[in-house]
Amino acid sequence: ISCNDAITGAAESGRTGLSLEEYVLFAQRLRYWVGRFPDRTHWTWLPRSAYQTSLVLCGGFPAYDDLFVNVWPWSEFQGNIGMRTARRFDPKE
């Protein structure tokens, strides 16, 4: 599955991908709750942090709990990459 396919699937279920800022907040909160950072063996697409027009940011904590951010082509597939999604809530509802 490509990042574009993941975004389409998430949108169909009313969800969206994370930006880099949202991912950092999520990772800090998860570390507070369970004592470790997420995505130690996999990368996570961050489609709301697009880099130029053909690349997307990916984040993860592969070594020593340090955040690594890399760029990836939108259409590239690799087995160790996926996307975290979040549901957006309208405060007026």
N, C-alpha and C. Protein backbone atom coordinates (compact mmCIF):
# COMPACT_ATOMS: atom_id res chain seq x y z
N ILE A 1 0.85 -1.18 0.00
CA ILE A 1 0.00 0.00 0.00
C ILE A 1 0.90 1.24 0.00
N SER A 2 0.51 2.24 -0.76
CA SER A 2 1.27 3.49 -0.80
C SER A 2 0.66 4.48 0.18
N CYS A 3 1.34 5.57 0.39
CA CYS A 3 0.83 6.61 1.28
C CYS A 3 -0.48 7.17 0.73
N ASN A 4 -0.56 7.34 -0.59
CA ASN A 4 -1.81 7.84 -1.20
C ASN A 4 -2.96 6.89 -0.91
N ASP A 5 -2.73 5.58 -1.03
CA ASP A 5 -3.77 4.58 -0.74
C ASP A 5 -4.18 4.64 0.72
N ALA A 6 -3.21 4.82 1.62
CA ALA A 6 -3.50 4.89 3.04
C ALA A 6 -4.34 6.13 3.36
N ILE A 7 -4.03 7.25 2.73
CA ILE A 7 -4.79 8.47 2.95
C ILE A 7 -6.23 8.31 2.47
N THR A 8 -6.41 7.69 1.30
CA THR A 8 -7.74 7.47 0.77
C THR A 8 -8.55 6.57 1.69
N GLY A 9 -7.95 5.48 2.17
CA GLY A 9 -8.65 4.58 3.08
C GLY A 9 -9.01 5.25 4.40
N ALA A 10 -8.12 6.08 4.91
CA ALA A 10 -8.40 6.79 6.16
C ALA A 10 -9.53 7.79 5.97
N ALA A 11 -9.53 8.50 4.85
CA ALA A 11 -10.57 9.50 4.59
C ALA A 11 -11.94 8.86 4.48
N GLU A 12 -11.99 7.66 3.92
CA GLU A 12 -13.27 6.95 3.79
C GLU A 12 -13.86 6.60 5.15
N SER A 13 -13.02 6.46 6.16
CA SER A 13 -13.51 6.15 7.50
C SER A 13 -13.54 7.38 8.41
N GLY A 14 -13.41 8.57 7.82
CA GLY A 14 -13.50 9.80 8.59
C GLY A 14 -12.26 10.12 9.40
N ARG A 15 -11.12 9.59 8.98
CA ARG A 15 -9.88 9.81 9.72
C ARG A 15 -8.88 10.51 8.81
N THR A 16 -7.80 10.99 9.39
CA THR A 16 -6.76 11.66 8.63
C THR A 16 -5.39 11.29 9.21
N GLY A 17 -4.35 11.49 8.44
CA GLY A 17 -3.00 11.23 8.92
C GLY A 17 -2.53 12.36 9.83
N LEU A 18 -1.39 12.17 10.45
CA LEU A 18 -0.86 13.14 11.40
C LEU A 18 0.17 14.06 10.73
N SER A 19 0.32 15.24 11.28
CA SER A 19 1.43 16.12 10.90
C SER A 19 2.62 15.78 11.81
N LEU A 20 3.77 16.35 11.52
CA LEU A 20 4.94 16.11 12.35
C LEU A 20 4.70 16.59 13.78
N GLU A 21 4.07 17.75 13.92
CA GLU A 21 3.81 18.29 15.25
C GLU A 21 2.86 17.39 16.05
N GLU A 22 1.82 16.92 15.39
CA GLU A 22 0.87 16.02 16.06
C GLU A 22 1.54 14.70 16.45
N TYR A 23 2.41 14.21 15.59
CA TYR A 23 3.11 12.95 15.87
C TYR A 23 4.02 13.09 17.09
N VAL A 24 4.72 14.22 17.19
CA VAL A 24 5.60 14.44 18.34
C VAL A 24 4.78 14.50 19.63
N LEU A 25 3.64 15.18 19.60
CA LEU A 25 2.76 15.23 20.78
C LEU A 25 2.24 13.84 21.13
N PHE A 26 1.82 13.08 20.12
CA PHE A 26 1.34 11.72 20.35
C PHE A 26 2.45 10.85 20.97
N ALA A 27 3.66 10.95 20.42
CA ALA A 27 4.77 10.13 20.91
C ALA A 27 5.12 10.48 22.36
N GLN A 28 5.12 11.75 22.68
CA GLN A 28 5.41 12.16 24.07
C GLN A 28 4.33 11.65 25.02
N ARG A 29 3.08 11.74 24.61
CA ARG A 29 1.97 11.28 25.46
C ARG A 29 2.06 9.76 25.65
N LEU A 30 2.36 9.03 24.58
CA LEU A 30 2.48 7.58 24.69
C LEU A 30 3.64 7.21 25.62
N ARG A 31 4.73 7.94 25.51
CA ARG A 31 5.87 7.66 26.40
C ARG A 31 5.49 7.90 27.86
N TYR A 32 4.70 8.94 28.09
CA TYR A 32 4.24 9.23 29.45
C TYR A 32 3.33 8.10 29.97
N TRP A 33 2.45 7.59 29.09
CA TRP A 33 1.50 6.55 29.51
C TRP A 33 2.14 5.19 29.69
N VAL A 34 2.98 4.76 28.75
CA VAL A 34 3.49 3.38 28.77
C VAL A 34 5.01 3.29 28.97
N GLY A 35 5.70 4.41 29.02
CA GLY A 35 7.12 4.39 29.31
C GLY A 35 8.05 4.16 28.13
N ARG A 36 7.52 4.20 26.92
CA ARG A 36 8.39 4.07 25.74
C ARG A 36 7.78 4.78 24.55
N PHE A 37 8.61 5.12 23.60
CA PHE A 37 8.14 5.77 22.39
C PHE A 37 7.56 4.74 21.43
N PRO A 38 6.67 5.16 20.52
CA PRO A 38 6.13 4.25 19.51
C PRO A 38 7.10 4.07 18.35
N ASP A 39 6.77 3.17 17.46
CA ASP A 39 7.43 3.04 16.16
C ASP A 39 8.94 2.85 16.27
N ARG A 40 9.31 1.86 17.05
CA ARG A 40 10.74 1.57 17.21
C ARG A 40 11.26 0.66 16.11
N THR A 41 10.39 -0.06 15.43
CA THR A 41 10.83 -0.95 14.35
C THR A 41 10.21 -0.59 13.01
N HIS A 42 9.33 0.39 12.99
CA HIS A 42 8.66 0.79 11.75
C HIS A 42 8.68 2.31 11.62
N TRP A 43 8.53 2.77 10.40
CA TRP A 43 8.39 4.20 10.11
C TRP A 43 6.91 4.52 9.98
N THR A 44 6.54 5.77 10.25
CA THR A 44 5.17 6.22 10.15
C THR A 44 5.09 7.39 9.18
N TRP A 45 4.24 7.25 8.15
CA TRP A 45 4.01 8.37 7.24
C TRP A 45 3.36 9.50 8.00
N LEU A 46 3.76 10.72 7.70
CA LEU A 46 3.16 11.92 8.28
C LEU A 46 2.64 12.78 7.13
N PRO A 47 1.52 12.37 6.52
CA PRO A 47 1.07 12.99 5.27
C PRO A 47 0.63 14.45 5.40
N ARG A 48 0.34 14.91 6.60
CA ARG A 48 -0.04 16.31 6.76
C ARG A 48 1.20 17.19 6.88
N SER A 49 2.38 16.60 6.71
CA SER A 49 3.65 17.34 6.69
C SER A 49 4.36 17.07 5.37
N ALA A 50 3.66 17.34 4.29
CA ALA A 50 4.22 17.08 2.97
C ALA A 50 5.46 17.94 2.75
N TYR A 51 6.44 17.36 2.09
CA TYR A 51 7.69 18.04 1.78
C TYR A 51 7.75 18.18 0.27
N GLN A 52 7.74 19.38 -0.23
CA GLN A 52 7.63 19.67 -1.66
C GLN A 52 6.31 19.08 -2.15
N THR A 53 6.26 18.59 -3.37
CA THR A 53 5.00 18.01 -3.87
C THR A 53 5.07 16.51 -4.04
N SER A 54 6.28 15.95 -4.09
CA SER A 54 6.39 14.53 -4.38
C SER A 54 6.90 13.71 -3.20
N LEU A 55 7.16 14.35 -2.07
CA LEU A 55 7.72 13.64 -0.92
C LEU A 55 6.86 13.86 0.31
N VAL A 56 6.89 12.89 1.22
CA VAL A 56 6.16 12.98 2.48
C VAL A 56 7.14 12.68 3.61
N LEU A 57 6.94 13.32 4.76
CA LEU A 57 7.80 13.04 5.90
C LEU A 57 7.41 11.72 6.55
N CYS A 58 8.40 11.02 7.08
CA CYS A 58 8.19 9.80 7.84
C CYS A 58 8.94 9.96 9.16
N GLY A 59 8.35 9.45 10.23
CA GLY A 59 8.99 9.56 11.53
C GLY A 59 9.06 8.22 12.24
N GLY A 60 9.94 8.12 13.20
CA GLY A 60 10.07 6.92 14.01
C GLY A 60 11.16 7.11 15.05
N PHE A 61 11.27 6.15 15.94
CA PHE A 61 12.26 6.18 17.02
C PHE A 61 13.10 4.91 16.96
N PRO A 62 13.89 4.70 15.90
CA PRO A 62 14.57 3.42 15.71
C PRO A 62 15.76 3.17 16.62
N ALA A 63 16.35 4.21 17.20
CA ALA A 63 17.55 3.98 17.99
C ALA A 63 17.62 4.93 19.19
N TYR A 64 17.81 4.36 20.35
CA TYR A 64 18.08 5.14 21.56
C TYR A 64 17.01 6.19 21.88
N ASP A 65 15.77 5.93 21.50
CA ASP A 65 14.66 6.86 21.75
C ASP A 65 14.88 8.24 21.14
N ASP A 66 15.63 8.31 20.06
CA ASP A 66 15.81 9.56 19.33
C ASP A 66 14.83 9.60 18.17
N LEU A 67 14.19 10.73 17.95
CA LEU A 67 13.27 10.89 16.84
C LEU A 67 14.06 11.03 15.55
N PHE A 68 13.76 10.19 14.59
CA PHE A 68 14.34 10.29 13.26
C PHE A 68 13.21 10.69 12.31
N VAL A 69 13.48 11.65 11.44
CA VAL A 69 12.52 12.08 10.43
C VAL A 69 13.22 11.98 9.09
N ASN A 70 12.53 11.41 8.13
CA ASN A 70 13.09 11.18 6.82
C ASN A 70 12.05 11.60 5.79
N VAL A 71 12.45 11.76 4.55
CA VAL A 71 11.50 12.03 3.47
C VAL A 71 11.33 10.76 2.64
N TRP A 72 10.13 10.59 2.08
CA TRP A 72 9.80 9.38 1.34
C TRP A 72 8.90 9.74 0.17
N PRO A 73 9.03 9.08 -0.97
CA PRO A 73 8.11 9.34 -2.08
C PRO A 73 6.69 8.91 -1.72
N TRP A 74 5.69 9.66 -2.16
CA TRP A 74 4.29 9.34 -1.86
C TRP A 74 3.90 7.95 -2.32
N SER A 75 4.44 7.52 -3.45
CA SER A 75 4.00 6.26 -4.04
C SER A 75 4.87 5.07 -3.65
N GLU A 76 5.90 5.28 -2.86
CA GLU A 76 6.83 4.21 -2.49
C GLU A 76 6.21 3.25 -1.49
N PHE A 77 6.44 1.98 -1.68
CA PHE A 77 5.98 0.97 -0.74
C PHE A 77 7.18 0.29 -0.12
N GLN A 78 7.08 0.05 1.16
CA GLN A 78 8.08 -0.76 1.85
C GLN A 78 7.38 -1.41 3.04
N GLY A 79 7.79 -2.60 3.41
CA GLY A 79 7.09 -3.36 4.43
C GLY A 79 7.16 -2.79 5.83
N ASN A 80 8.11 -1.91 6.11
CA ASN A 80 8.26 -1.41 7.47
C ASN A 80 7.76 0.03 7.61
N ILE A 81 6.77 0.40 6.82
CA ILE A 81 6.24 1.76 6.89
C ILE A 81 4.72 1.71 6.84
N GLY A 82 4.08 2.57 7.61
CA GLY A 82 2.62 2.63 7.66
C GLY A 82 2.18 4.01 8.07
N MET A 83 0.91 4.16 8.44
CA MET A 83 0.40 5.48 8.80
C MET A 83 -0.49 5.38 10.02
N ARG A 84 -0.27 6.26 10.97
CA ARG A 84 -1.17 6.39 12.11
C ARG A 84 -2.25 7.39 11.72
N THR A 85 -3.46 7.12 12.15
CA THR A 85 -4.56 8.03 11.81
C THR A 85 -5.18 8.61 13.06
N ALA A 86 -5.88 9.69 12.88
CA ALA A 86 -6.59 10.34 13.98
C ALA A 86 -7.93 10.82 13.46
N ARG A 87 -8.89 10.88 14.34
CA ARG A 87 -10.20 11.40 13.98
C ARG A 87 -10.25 12.86 14.43
N ARG A 88 -10.67 13.71 13.54
CA ARG A 88 -10.79 15.13 13.84
C ARG A 88 -12.19 15.40 14.39
N PHE A 89 -12.27 16.13 15.48
CA PHE A 89 -13.54 16.47 16.09
C PHE A 89 -13.80 17.95 15.92
N ASP A 90 -15.02 18.28 15.56
CA ASP A 90 -15.43 19.67 15.44
C ASP A 90 -15.93 20.13 16.80
N PRO A 91 -15.30 21.14 17.40
CA PRO A 91 -15.73 21.57 18.74
C PRO A 91 -17.15 22.13 18.75
N LYS A 92 -17.71 22.45 17.61
CA LYS A 92 -19.07 22.99 17.53
C LYS A 92 -20.12 21.89 17.61
N GLU A 93 -19.70 20.64 17.42
CA GLU A 93 -20.68 19.54 17.45
C GLU A 93 -21.00 19.11 18.86
